[in-house]
Amino acid sequence: MRKNTICIIIAFYIIFNTPCLSFDPKNHFPFKKKQPIQKQKMVETKQEWEIEAKNVPLSERNNETIEEEKSTKKYYQPTPHYVFEKYNYPQGKRQLNIEDVKKNLYSYPYIVSDINCHYVAYPRYYFSPDIKQISSNFYVEKLDTTKTKTKRILDYDHNQLERKAIIQAGTKETYPNLFNGLTLVDWSADSKKLLIKEQVGSTLNGIYKTYLYIHFLGNENQESYTIKLLDLDNAIKNYYLDWENLQLIKYRYDIEPLGFSADNDNLIIVLSYVYDKNNKKIFLGAWSYNCYTHEIILLSKTNAIYEISANGLILRRSYD
């Protein structure tokens, strides 16, 4: 009995002196309790949005970029090459494109070399926006013959040296809407002469007069020089006044230079026209002018087709 009493006392001692373990549902519940989703409060006014935007640090802002899908297509870009072509073809029909002159206040339409690529000839056009006048200068310059013919043209730089124009048209006078355009007709076959035309007119009403020039390249014994063919213009007017009783001065009359004759490199061929009241072009005749003897001959009153040489060369980029 005494022994049992002692055991009971020891048991009660252990029970009352041992700390109680509390129940923890996190450790004893077999399934984890789902945590509630914290929903971010949306802004409701513009003022709240501005405050929210200011409070977001730049480093925490979402700056994801969508990588564009790279194209797997391959494009073939042909390598350009350059070819020479005849400038005066069709003969006497070459027209300049100077549409950029009013936008840029200048236009550099082309450069044309002689058949040997020793020289280049080219005009430069200028626009005066205050009076809407277009003027031009014409240049003839040497090429660097140590390079290939193609490189001579490609590497030529007008601004590399101080250039002197052989003809100036309208650059020393001011007149509203005046047009003075210088254009190369062609080089001669011997590369010693150039035929140049100056078209005079209005930027509003078109061309009403054409003048011709011949420029002679110099050599060791003679300097280069230029002549204006006023005697050709006078000869045509006098002929029709004396033989046809036609006063060309009363009409809109013009000439069209074709170039140098294929049969005689010293002759230039010119066609003359007059316009009726309906602006219809009427052929008057074909004339020849000898560059050295200054002899003027009426070739025909009906035939406007002649063998004309094409000598000047222009460089054209090609992808063929």
C-alpha atoms as a PDB file:
ATOM      1  CA  MET A   1       0.000   0.000   0.000  1.00  0.00           C
ATOM      2  CA  ARG A   2       2.756   2.325   0.942  1.00  0.00           C
ATOM      3  CA  LYS A   3       4.514   1.515  -2.267  1.00  0.00           C
ATOM      4  CA  ASN A   4       1.464   2.380  -4.405  1.00  0.00           C
ATOM      5  CA  THR A   5       1.005   5.648  -2.584  1.00  0.00           C
ATOM      6  CA  ILE A   6       4.537   6.699  -3.398  1.00  0.00           C
ATOM      7  CA  CYS A   7       4.067   5.913  -7.119  1.00  0.00           C
ATOM      8  CA  ILE A   8       0.905   8.013  -7.279  1.00  0.00           C
ATOM      9  CA  ILE A   9       2.660  10.958  -5.634  1.00  0.00           C
ATOM     10  CA  ILE A  10       5.549  10.750  -8.162  1.00  0.00           C
ATOM     11  CA  ALA A  11       3.102  10.627 -11.073  1.00  0.00           C
ATOM     12  CA  PHE A  12       1.279  13.764  -9.930  1.00  0.00           C
ATOM     13  CA  TYR A  13       4.604  15.543  -9.516  1.00  0.00           C
ATOM     14  CA  ILE A  14       5.633  14.834 -13.067  1.00  0.00           C
ATOM     15  CA  ILE A  15       2.283  15.983 -14.435  1.00  0.00           C
ATOM     16  CA  PHE A  16       2.186  19.288 -12.593  1.00  0.00           C
ATOM     17  CA  ASN A  17       5.870  20.188 -13.103  1.00  0.00           C
ATOM     18  CA  THR A  18       6.098  19.477 -16.859  1.00  0.00           C
ATOM     19  CA  PRO A  19       5.282  22.554 -19.128  1.00  0.00           C
ATOM     20  CA  CYS A  20       2.211  22.125 -21.304  1.00  0.00           C
ATOM     21  CA  LEU A  21       2.650  22.069 -25.094  1.00  0.00           C
ATOM     22  CA  SER A  22       0.258  24.433 -26.928  1.00  0.00           C
ATOM     23  CA  PHE A  23      -1.522  23.259 -30.102  1.00  0.00           C
ATOM     24  CA  ASP A  24      -0.255  24.898 -33.233  1.00  0.00           C
ATOM     25  CA  PRO A  25      -2.560  24.383 -36.228  1.00  0.00           C
ATOM     26  CA  LYS A  26       0.249  25.250 -38.638  1.00  0.00           C
ATOM     27  CA  ASN A  27       2.268  22.305 -37.399  1.00  0.00           C
ATOM     28  CA  HIS A  28      -0.542  19.826 -36.822  1.00  0.00           C
ATOM     29  CA  PHE A  29      -3.149  20.608 -39.570  1.00  0.00           C
ATOM     30  CA  PRO A  30      -2.478  18.279 -42.509  1.00  0.00           C
ATOM     31  CA  PHE A  31      -3.354  20.925 -45.231  1.00  0.00           C
ATOM     32  CA  LYS A  32      -1.911  24.405 -45.556  1.00  0.00           C
ATOM     33  CA  LYS A  33      -4.444  27.136 -45.208  1.00  0.00           C
ATOM     34  CA  LYS A  34      -4.844  29.267 -48.400  1.00  0.00           C
ATOM     35  CA  GLN A  35      -3.652  32.797 -47.865  1.00  0.00           C
ATOM     36  CA  PRO A  36      -6.051  35.584 -48.921  1.00  0.00           C
ATOM     37  CA  ILE A  37      -4.984  37.515 -52.110  1.00  0.00           C
ATOM     38  CA  GLN A  38      -3.939  41.048 -51.386  1.00  0.00           C
ATOM     39  CA  LYS A  39      -5.684  43.170 -54.025  1.00  0.00           C
ATOM     40  CA  GLN A  40      -4.069  46.476 -54.845  1.00  0.00           C
ATOM     41  CA  LYS A  41      -6.410  49.381 -54.628  1.00  0.00           C
ATOM     42  CA  MET A  42      -6.995  50.976 -58.022  1.00  0.00           C
ATOM     43  CA  VAL A  43      -6.771  54.733 -58.441  1.00  0.00           C
ATOM     44  CA  GLU A  44     -10.111  56.387 -58.962  1.00  0.00           C
ATOM     45  CA  THR A  45      -9.257  59.967 -59.939  1.00  0.00           C
ATOM     46  CA  LYS A  46      -6.748  61.743 -62.140  1.00  0.00           C
ATOM     47  CA  GLN A  47      -5.150  63.345 -59.080  1.00  0.00           C
ATOM     48  CA  GLU A  48      -4.592  59.926 -57.484  1.00  0.00           C
ATOM     49  CA  TRP A  49      -3.081  58.629 -60.704  1.00  0.00           C
ATOM     50  CA  GLU A  50      -0.617  61.557 -60.880  1.00  0.00           C
ATOM     51  CA  ILE A  51       0.433  60.958 -57.268  1.00  0.00           C
ATOM     52  CA  GLU A  52       0.818  57.221 -57.884  1.00  0.00           C
ATOM     53  CA  ALA A  53       2.897  57.825 -60.997  1.00  0.00           C
ATOM     54  CA  LYS A  54       5.239  60.189 -59.193  1.00  0.00           C
ATOM     55  CA  ASN A  55       5.792  57.762 -56.331  1.00  0.00           C
ATOM     56  CA  VAL A  56       6.965  54.879 -58.520  1.00  0.00           C
ATOM     57  CA  PRO A  57      10.788  54.924 -58.678  1.00  0.00           C
ATOM     58  CA  LEU A  58      12.268  54.765 -62.129  1.00  0.00           C
ATOM     59  CA  SER A  59      14.200  51.601 -61.279  1.00  0.00           C
ATOM     60  CA  GLU A  60      10.981  49.790 -60.311  1.00  0.00           C
ATOM     61  CA  ARG A  61       8.978  50.720 -63.370  1.00  0.00           C
ATOM     62  CA  ASN A  62       8.185  48.008 -65.846  1.00  0.00           C
ATOM     63  CA  ASN A  63      10.287  48.709 -68.916  1.00  0.00           C
ATOM     64  CA  GLU A  64       9.921  45.458 -70.763  1.00  0.00           C
ATOM     65  CA  THR A  65      10.548  45.551 -74.479  1.00  0.00           C
ATOM     66  CA  ILE A  66       9.140  43.089 -76.915  1.00  0.00           C
ATOM     67  CA  GLU A  67      11.886  41.660 -79.023  1.00  0.00           C
ATOM     68  CA  GLU A  68      10.894  41.868 -82.646  1.00  0.00           C
ATOM     69  CA  GLU A  69      10.976  38.693 -84.561  1.00  0.00           C
ATOM     70  CA  LYS A  70      14.032  38.765 -86.748  1.00  0.00           C
ATOM     71  CA  SER A  71      13.282  38.296 -90.380  1.00  0.00           C
ATOM     72  CA  THR A  72      14.880  35.294 -91.970  1.00  0.00           C
ATOM     73  CA  LYS A  73      14.406  36.680 -95.475  1.00  0.00           C
ATOM     74  CA  LYS A  74      17.535  37.543 -97.415  1.00  0.00           C
ATOM     75  CA  TYR A  75      17.534  40.410 -99.891  1.00  0.00           C
ATOM     76  CA  TYR A  76      19.958  40.592-102.776  1.00  0.00           C
ATOM     77  CA  GLN A  77      21.344  44.043-103.499  1.00  0.00           C
ATOM     78  CA  PRO A  78      23.029  44.086-106.905  1.00  0.00           C
ATOM     79  CA  THR A  79      26.344  45.878-107.099  1.00  0.00           C
ATOM     80  CA  PRO A  80      26.046  48.979-109.291  1.00  0.00           C
ATOM     81  CA  HIS A  81      28.418  49.585-112.138  1.00  0.00           C
ATOM     82  CA  TYR A  82      28.872  52.543-114.456  1.00  0.00           C
ATOM     83  CA  VAL A  83      28.541  52.756-118.203  1.00  0.00           C
ATOM     84  CA  PHE A  84      29.176  55.582-120.658  1.00  0.00           C
ATOM     85  CA  GLU A  85      26.458  56.611-123.055  1.00  0.00           C
ATOM     86  CA  LYS A  86      26.220  59.186-125.819  1.00  0.00           C
ATOM     87  CA  TYR A  87      24.961  62.528-124.600  1.00  0.00           C
ATOM     88  CA  ASN A  88      23.591  64.026-127.849  1.00  0.00           C
ATOM     89  CA  TYR A  89      21.084  61.296-128.603  1.00  0.00           C
ATOM     90  CA  PRO A  90      18.506  61.745-130.008  1.00  0.00           C
ATOM     91  CA  GLN A  91      20.400  64.556-131.688  1.00  0.00           C
ATOM     92  CA  GLY A  92      19.376  67.986-130.454  1.00  0.00           C
ATOM     93  CA  LYS A  93      16.678  66.608-128.145  1.00  0.00           C
ATOM     94  CA  ARG A  94      18.492  66.465-124.812  1.00  0.00           C
ATOM     95  CA  GLN A  95      16.473  68.269-122.149  1.00  0.00           C
ATOM     96  CA  LEU A  96      17.651  69.247-118.689  1.00  0.00           C
ATOM     97  CA  ASN A  97      15.878  68.413-115.456  1.00  0.00           C
ATOM     98  CA  ILE A  98      16.250  71.378-113.094  1.00  0.00           C
ATOM     99  CA  GLU A  99      13.155  70.781-110.958  1.00  0.00           C
ATOM    100  CA  ASP A 100      15.306  71.013-107.820  1.00  0.00           C
ATOM    101  CA  VAL A 101      16.523  74.558-108.528  1.00  0.00           C
ATOM    102  CA  LYS A 102      13.683  76.315-106.670  1.00  0.00           C
ATOM    103  CA  LYS A 103      13.972  74.007-103.667  1.00  0.00           C
ATOM    104  CA  ASN A 104      17.767  74.063-103.310  1.00  0.00           C
ATOM    105  CA  LEU A 105      18.359  77.487-104.951  1.00  0.00           C
ATOM    106  CA  TYR A 106      20.805  75.740-107.297  1.00  0.00           C
ATOM    107  CA  SER A 107      20.895  72.808-109.713  1.00  0.00           C
ATOM    108  CA  TYR A 108      23.818  70.818-111.153  1.00  0.00           C
ATOM    109  CA  PRO A 109      22.163  68.761-113.922  1.00  0.00           C
ATOM    110  CA  TYR A 110      25.090  66.828-115.423  1.00  0.00           C
ATOM    111  CA  ILE A 111      28.707  66.771-116.528  1.00  0.00           C
ATOM    112  CA  VAL A 112      29.606  65.700-120.070  1.00  0.00           C
ATOM    113  CA  SER A 113      33.085  64.611-121.088  1.00  0.00           C
ATOM    114  CA  ASP A 114      34.592  64.704-124.549  1.00  0.00           C
ATOM    115  CA  ILE A 115      34.984  61.384-126.334  1.00  0.00           C
ATOM    116  CA  ASN A 116      38.518  60.948-124.918  1.00  0.00           C
ATOM    117  CA  CYS A 117      37.532  61.867-121.332  1.00  0.00           C
ATOM    118  CA  HIS A 118      40.149  64.613-121.118  1.00  0.00           C
ATOM    119  CA  TYR A 119      37.688  67.447-120.372  1.00  0.00           C
ATOM    120  CA  VAL A 120      34.242  67.945-118.883  1.00  0.00           C
ATOM    121  CA  ALA A 121      31.611  70.540-119.736  1.00  0.00           C
ATOM    122  CA  TYR A 122      28.648  71.370-117.531  1.00  0.00           C
ATOM    123  CA  PRO A 123      26.252  74.158-116.478  1.00  0.00           C
ATOM    124  CA  ARG A 124      25.216  75.356-113.044  1.00  0.00           C
ATOM    125  CA  TYR A 125      21.817  76.920-112.452  1.00  0.00           C
ATOM    126  CA  TYR A 126      20.885  79.404-109.726  1.00  0.00           C
ATOM    127  CA  PHE A 127      17.523  80.618-108.430  1.00  0.00           C
ATOM    128  CA  SER A 128      16.825  84.027-106.841  1.00  0.00           C
ATOM    129  CA  PRO A 129      13.616  83.534-104.817  1.00  0.00           C
ATOM    130  CA  ASP A 130      13.037  87.248-104.184  1.00  0.00           C
ATOM    131  CA  ILE A 131      12.498  87.969-107.899  1.00  0.00           C
ATOM    132  CA  LYS A 132      11.980  84.344-109.090  1.00  0.00           C
ATOM    133  CA  GLN A 133      14.845  84.591-111.566  1.00  0.00           C
ATOM    134  CA  ILE A 134      16.844  81.626-112.905  1.00  0.00           C
ATOM    135  CA  SER A 135      20.379  82.240-114.185  1.00  0.00           C
ATOM    136  CA  SER A 136      23.261  79.966-115.153  1.00  0.00           C
ATOM    137  CA  ASN A 137      26.990  79.638-115.722  1.00  0.00           C
ATOM    138  CA  PHE A 138      28.835  77.247-118.012  1.00  0.00           C
ATOM    139  CA  TYR A 139      32.192  75.590-117.272  1.00  0.00           C
ATOM    140  CA  VAL A 140      34.796  73.587-119.195  1.00  0.00           C
ATOM    141  CA  GLU A 141      37.487  71.947-117.081  1.00  0.00           C
ATOM    142  CA  LYS A 142      40.293  69.397-117.354  1.00  0.00           C
ATOM    143  CA  LEU A 143      40.069  65.882-115.943  1.00  0.00           C
ATOM    144  CA  ASP A 144      42.732  63.915-114.104  1.00  0.00           C
ATOM    145  CA  THR A 145      44.010  61.669-116.892  1.00  0.00           C
ATOM    146  CA  THR A 146      46.113  59.566-114.483  1.00  0.00           C
ATOM    147  CA  LYS A 147      42.909  57.815-113.378  1.00  0.00           C
ATOM    148  CA  THR A 148      40.621  55.487-115.249  1.00  0.00           C
ATOM    149  CA  LYS A 149      37.922  57.132-117.357  1.00  0.00           C
ATOM    150  CA  THR A 150      35.188  56.214-114.891  1.00  0.00           C
ATOM    151  CA  LYS A 151      37.152  57.480-111.888  1.00  0.00           C
ATOM    152  CA  ARG A 152      37.912  60.734-113.681  1.00  0.00           C
ATOM    153  CA  ILE A 153      34.200  61.515-113.791  1.00  0.00           C
ATOM    154  CA  LEU A 154      33.293  60.145-110.357  1.00  0.00           C
ATOM    155  CA  ASP A 155      36.139  61.936-108.593  1.00  0.00           C
ATOM    156  CA  TYR A 156      35.676  65.276-110.316  1.00  0.00           C
ATOM    157  CA  ASP A 157      34.801  67.975-107.780  1.00  0.00           C
ATOM    158  CA  HIS A 158      33.767  71.434-108.965  1.00  0.00           C
ATOM    159  CA  ASN A 159      34.527  72.977-105.568  1.00  0.00           C
ATOM    160  CA  GLN A 160      38.006  71.497-105.356  1.00  0.00           C
ATOM    161  CA  LEU A 161      39.474  74.466-107.243  1.00  0.00           C
ATOM    162  CA  GLU A 162      38.387  77.971-108.110  1.00  0.00           C
ATOM    163  CA  ARG A 163      36.518  77.701-111.424  1.00  0.00           C
ATOM    164  CA  LYS A 164      35.948  80.407-114.005  1.00  0.00           C
ATOM    165  CA  ALA A 165      32.803  80.239-116.131  1.00  0.00           C
ATOM    166  CA  ILE A 166      33.326  80.518-119.888  1.00  0.00           C
ATOM    167  CA  ILE A 167      29.765  81.914-120.287  1.00  0.00           C
ATOM    168  CA  GLN A 168      27.554  83.714-117.790  1.00  0.00           C
ATOM    169  CA  ALA A 169      23.845  84.068-118.487  1.00  0.00           C
ATOM    170  CA  GLY A 170      21.730  86.269-116.264  1.00  0.00           C
ATOM    171  CA  THR A 171      24.053  86.119-113.254  1.00  0.00           C
ATOM    172  CA  LYS A 172      25.054  89.780-113.602  1.00  0.00           C
ATOM    173  CA  GLU A 173      21.568  91.182-114.099  1.00  0.00           C
ATOM    174  CA  THR A 174      18.357  91.103-112.125  1.00  0.00           C
ATOM    175  CA  TYR A 175      14.931  90.948-113.701  1.00  0.00           C
ATOM    176  CA  PRO A 176      11.737  89.411-112.267  1.00  0.00           C
ATOM    177  CA  ASN A 177      10.894  85.948-113.664  1.00  0.00           C
ATOM    178  CA  LEU A 178      13.765  86.053-116.165  1.00  0.00           C
ATOM    179  CA  PHE A 179      15.133  82.699-117.335  1.00  0.00           C
ATOM    180  CA  ASN A 180      18.643  82.282-118.814  1.00  0.00           C
ATOM    181  CA  GLY A 181      19.545  78.626-119.247  1.00  0.00           C
ATOM    182  CA  LEU A 182      22.837  77.420-120.698  1.00  0.00           C
ATOM    183  CA  THR A 183      22.961  73.891-122.104  1.00  0.00           C
ATOM    184  CA  LEU A 184      25.585  71.862-123.922  1.00  0.00           C
ATOM    185  CA  VAL A 185      24.425  70.684-127.347  1.00  0.00           C
ATOM    186  CA  ASP A 186      27.483  68.483-127.938  1.00  0.00           C
ATOM    187  CA  TRP A 187      31.234  68.151-128.236  1.00  0.00           C
ATOM    188  CA  SER A 188      32.814  67.979-131.688  1.00  0.00           C
ATOM    189  CA  ALA A 189      34.357  64.707-132.846  1.00  0.00           C
ATOM    190  CA  ASP A 190      37.893  66.134-132.539  1.00  0.00           C
ATOM    191  CA  SER A 191      37.200  67.255-128.928  1.00  0.00           C
ATOM    192  CA  LYS A 192      38.366  70.775-129.773  1.00  0.00           C
ATOM    193  CA  LYS A 193      34.991  72.533-129.979  1.00  0.00           C
ATOM    194  CA  LEU A 194      31.741  72.702-128.029  1.00  0.00           C
ATOM    195  CA  LEU A 195      28.336  73.862-129.234  1.00  0.00           C
ATOM    196  CA  ILE A 196      26.367  75.536-126.438  1.00  0.00           C
ATOM    197  CA  LYS A 197      22.895  77.035-126.478  1.00  0.00           C
ATOM    198  CA  GLU A 198      21.345  79.683-124.239  1.00  0.00           C
ATOM    199  CA  GLN A 199      17.578  79.653-123.900  1.00  0.00           C
ATOM    200  CA  VAL A 200      16.063  82.956-122.828  1.00  0.00           C
ATOM    201  CA  GLY A 201      12.525  83.317-121.600  1.00  0.00           C
ATOM    202  CA  SER A 202      10.269  83.640-118.603  1.00  0.00           C
ATOM    203  CA  THR A 203       9.774  81.329-115.645  1.00  0.00           C
ATOM    204  CA  LEU A 204       6.045  81.941-116.153  1.00  0.00           C
ATOM    205  CA  ASN A 205       5.546  81.889-119.939  1.00  0.00           C
ATOM    206  CA  GLY A 206       8.339  79.666-121.275  1.00  0.00           C
ATOM    207  CA  ILE A 207      11.189  80.124-123.786  1.00  0.00           C
ATOM    208  CA  TYR A 208      11.041  82.786-126.472  1.00  0.00           C
ATOM    209  CA  LYS A 209      14.628  82.978-127.792  1.00  0.00           C
ATOM    210  CA  THR A 210      17.686  80.732-128.329  1.00  0.00           C
ATOM    211  CA  TYR A 211      21.271  81.938-128.773  1.00  0.00           C
ATOM    212  CA  LEU A 212      24.206  79.769-129.839  1.00  0.00           C
ATOM    213  CA  TYR A 213      27.862  79.765-128.743  1.00  0.00           C
ATOM    214  CA  ILE A 214      30.913  77.889-129.957  1.00  0.00           C
ATOM    215  CA  HIS A 215      33.745  77.385-127.493  1.00  0.00           C
ATOM    216  CA  PHE A 216      37.210  76.576-128.868  1.00  0.00           C
ATOM    217  CA  LEU A 217      39.619  74.763-126.576  1.00  0.00           C
ATOM    218  CA  GLY A 218      43.062  76.273-126.397  1.00  0.00           C
ATOM    219  CA  ASN A 219      46.426  74.653-126.947  1.00  0.00           C
ATOM    220  CA  GLU A 220      50.073  75.524-126.443  1.00  0.00           C
ATOM    221  CA  ASN A 221      49.897  78.302-129.026  1.00  0.00           C
ATOM    222  CA  GLN A 222      46.419  79.718-128.390  1.00  0.00           C
ATOM    223  CA  GLU A 223      44.146  80.296-125.437  1.00  0.00           C
ATOM    224  CA  SER A 224      40.572  79.066-125.255  1.00  0.00           C
ATOM    225  CA  TYR A 225      37.878  81.441-126.498  1.00  0.00           C
ATOM    226  CA  THR A 226      34.115  81.587-127.088  1.00  0.00           C
ATOM    227  CA  ILE A 227      32.074  83.238-129.855  1.00  0.00           C
ATOM    228  CA  LYS A 228      28.353  84.029-129.899  1.00  0.00           C
ATOM    229  CA  LEU A 229      26.687  83.291-133.235  1.00  0.00           C
ATOM    230  CA  LEU A 230      24.780  86.521-133.689  1.00  0.00           C
ATOM    231  CA  ASP A 231      25.616  86.511-137.401  1.00  0.00           C
ATOM    232  CA  LEU A 232      23.674  83.252-137.841  1.00  0.00           C
ATOM    233  CA  ASP A 233      20.580  84.740-136.250  1.00  0.00           C
ATOM    234  CA  ASN A 234      20.822  87.868-138.398  1.00  0.00           C
ATOM    235  CA  ALA A 235      21.386  85.865-141.585  1.00  0.00           C
ATOM    236  CA  ILE A 236      18.206  83.836-141.030  1.00  0.00           C
ATOM    237  CA  LYS A 237      16.132  86.948-140.365  1.00  0.00           C
ATOM    238  CA  ASN A 238      17.546  88.799-143.377  1.00  0.00           C
ATOM    239  CA  TYR A 239      16.942  85.889-145.718  1.00  0.00           C
ATOM    240  CA  TYR A 240      13.244  85.575-144.908  1.00  0.00           C
ATOM    241  CA  LEU A 241      12.816  89.343-145.053  1.00  0.00           C
ATOM    242  CA  ASP A 242      14.514  89.660-148.469  1.00  0.00           C
ATOM    243  CA  TRP A 243      13.305  86.483-150.171  1.00  0.00           C
ATOM    244  CA  GLU A 244      10.054  85.599-148.423  1.00  0.00           C
ATOM    245  CA  ASN A 245       8.921  89.068-147.332  1.00  0.00           C
ATOM    246  CA  LEU A 246       8.521  87.640-143.843  1.00  0.00           C
ATOM    247  CA  GLN A 247       9.455  89.765-140.861  1.00  0.00           C
ATOM    248  CA  LEU A 248      10.429  87.194-138.244  1.00  0.00           C
ATOM    249  CA  ILE A 249      10.712  89.952-135.678  1.00  0.00           C
ATOM    250  CA  LYS A 250       6.918  90.147-135.648  1.00  0.00           C
ATOM    251  CA  TYR A 251       6.555  86.467-134.818  1.00  0.00           C
ATOM    252  CA  ARG A 252       7.666  84.089-132.173  1.00  0.00           C
ATOM    253  CA  TYR A 253      10.679  82.652-133.899  1.00  0.00           C
ATOM    254  CA  ASP A 254      13.291  80.199-132.608  1.00  0.00           C
ATOM    255  CA  ILE A 255      16.115  77.876-133.656  1.00  0.00           C
ATOM    256  CA  GLU A 256      16.960  74.311-132.676  1.00  0.00           C
ATOM    257  CA  PRO A 257      20.631  73.260-132.902  1.00  0.00           C
ATOM    258  CA  LEU A 258      21.130  69.570-133.727  1.00  0.00           C
ATOM    259  CA  GLY A 259      24.891  69.359-133.268  1.00  0.00           C
ATOM    260  CA  PHE A 260      27.961  68.838-135.445  1.00  0.00           C
ATOM    261  CA  SER A 261      27.580  67.370-138.926  1.00  0.00           C
ATOM    262  CA  ALA A 262      28.713  63.753-139.239  1.00  0.00           C
ATOM    263  CA  ASP A 263      30.204  64.582-142.645  1.00  0.00           C
ATOM    264  CA  ASN A 264      32.089  67.724-141.619  1.00  0.00           C
ATOM    265  CA  ASP A 265      33.174  68.270-138.016  1.00  0.00           C
ATOM    266  CA  ASN A 266      33.492  72.019-138.619  1.00  0.00           C
ATOM    267  CA  LEU A 267      29.811  72.441-139.519  1.00  0.00           C
ATOM    268  CA  ILE A 268      26.929  72.774-137.092  1.00  0.00           C
ATOM    269  CA  ILE A 269      23.355  72.096-138.239  1.00  0.00           C
ATOM    270  CA  VAL A 270      20.486  74.296-137.056  1.00  0.00           C
ATOM    271  CA  LEU A 271      16.731  74.089-137.688  1.00  0.00           C
ATOM    272  CA  SER A 272      14.597  77.256-137.699  1.00  0.00           C
ATOM    273  CA  TYR A 273      10.935  77.486-136.670  1.00  0.00           C
ATOM    274  CA  VAL A 274       8.164  80.010-136.325  1.00  0.00           C
ATOM    275  CA  TYR A 275       4.995  79.675-134.241  1.00  0.00           C
ATOM    276  CA  ASP A 276       1.514  80.621-135.426  1.00  0.00           C
ATOM    277  CA  LYS A 277      -1.240  82.226-133.333  1.00  0.00           C
ATOM    278  CA  ASN A 278      -2.249  78.784-132.044  1.00  0.00           C
ATOM    279  CA  ASN A 279       1.324  78.159-130.862  1.00  0.00           C
ATOM    280  CA  LYS A 280       1.808  75.556-133.577  1.00  0.00           C
ATOM    281  CA  LYS A 281       5.427  74.978-134.604  1.00  0.00           C
ATOM    282  CA  ILE A 282       6.070  75.597-138.332  1.00  0.00           C
ATOM    283  CA  PHE A 283       9.349  74.492-139.905  1.00  0.00           C
ATOM    284  CA  LEU A 284      11.131  77.224-141.884  1.00  0.00           C
ATOM    285  CA  GLY A 285      14.364  75.558-142.939  1.00  0.00           C
ATOM    286  CA  ALA A 286      17.691  73.937-142.036  1.00  0.00           C
ATOM    287  CA  TRP A 287      20.945  75.886-141.915  1.00  0.00           C
ATOM    288  CA  SER A 288      24.640  75.092-141.593  1.00  0.00           C
ATOM    289  CA  TYR A 289      27.308  77.252-139.959  1.00  0.00           C
ATOM    290  CA  ASN A 290      31.043  76.807-140.481  1.00  0.00           C
ATOM    291  CA  CYS A 291      32.869  77.266-137.169  1.00  0.00           C
ATOM    292  CA  TYR A 292      36.048  78.653-138.760  1.00  0.00           C
ATOM    293  CA  THR A 293      34.983  80.426-141.975  1.00  0.00           C
ATOM    294  CA  HIS A 294      31.635  81.594-140.500  1.00  0.00           C
ATOM    295  CA  GLU A 295      29.938  80.676-143.759  1.00  0.00           C
ATOM    296  CA  ILE A 296      26.162  80.311-143.446  1.00  0.00           C
ATOM    297  CA  ILE A 297      24.216  78.137-145.916  1.00  0.00           C
ATOM    298  CA  LEU A 298      20.520  77.356-146.240  1.00  0.00           C
ATOM    299  CA  LEU A 299      20.454  73.567-146.624  1.00  0.00           C
ATOM    300  CA  SER A 300      16.740  72.980-147.197  1.00  0.00           C
ATOM    301  CA  LYS A 301      13.307  74.482-146.615  1.00  0.00           C
ATOM    302  CA  THR A 302      11.652  71.087-146.273  1.00  0.00           C
ATOM    303  CA  ASN A 303      14.177  68.540-144.996  1.00  0.00           C
ATOM    304  CA  ALA A 304      14.770  68.520-141.239  1.00  0.00           C
ATOM    305  CA  ILE A 305      16.692  65.215-140.982  1.00  0.00           C
ATOM    306  CA  TYR A 306      20.510  65.175-141.218  1.00  0.00           C
ATOM    307  CA  GLU A 307      23.414  62.966-140.202  1.00  0.00           C
ATOM    308  CA  ILE A 308      24.600  64.379-136.878  1.00  0.00           C
ATOM    309  CA  SER A 309      27.513  63.031-134.838  1.00  0.00           C
ATOM    310  CA  ALA A 310      27.127  62.185-131.151  1.00  0.00           C
ATOM    311  CA  ASN A 311      30.408  62.707-129.322  1.00  0.00           C
ATOM    312  CA  GLY A 312      29.932  63.804-125.713  1.00  0.00           C
ATOM    313  CA  LEU A 313      29.778  61.106-123.026  1.00  0.00           C
ATOM    314  CA  ILE A 314      27.807  60.979-119.793  1.00  0.00           C
ATOM    315  CA  LEU A 315      28.300  58.422-117.031  1.00  0.00           C
ATOM    316  CA  ARG A 316      25.242  56.452-116.020  1.00  0.00           C
ATOM    317  CA  ARG A 317      24.846  54.150-113.033  1.00  0.00           C
ATOM    318  CA  SER A 318      23.460  50.749-113.978  1.00  0.00           C
ATOM    319  CA  TYR A 319      22.333  47.645-112.051  1.00  0.00           C
ATOM    320  CA  ASP A 320      21.973  45.415-115.122  1.00  0.00           C
END
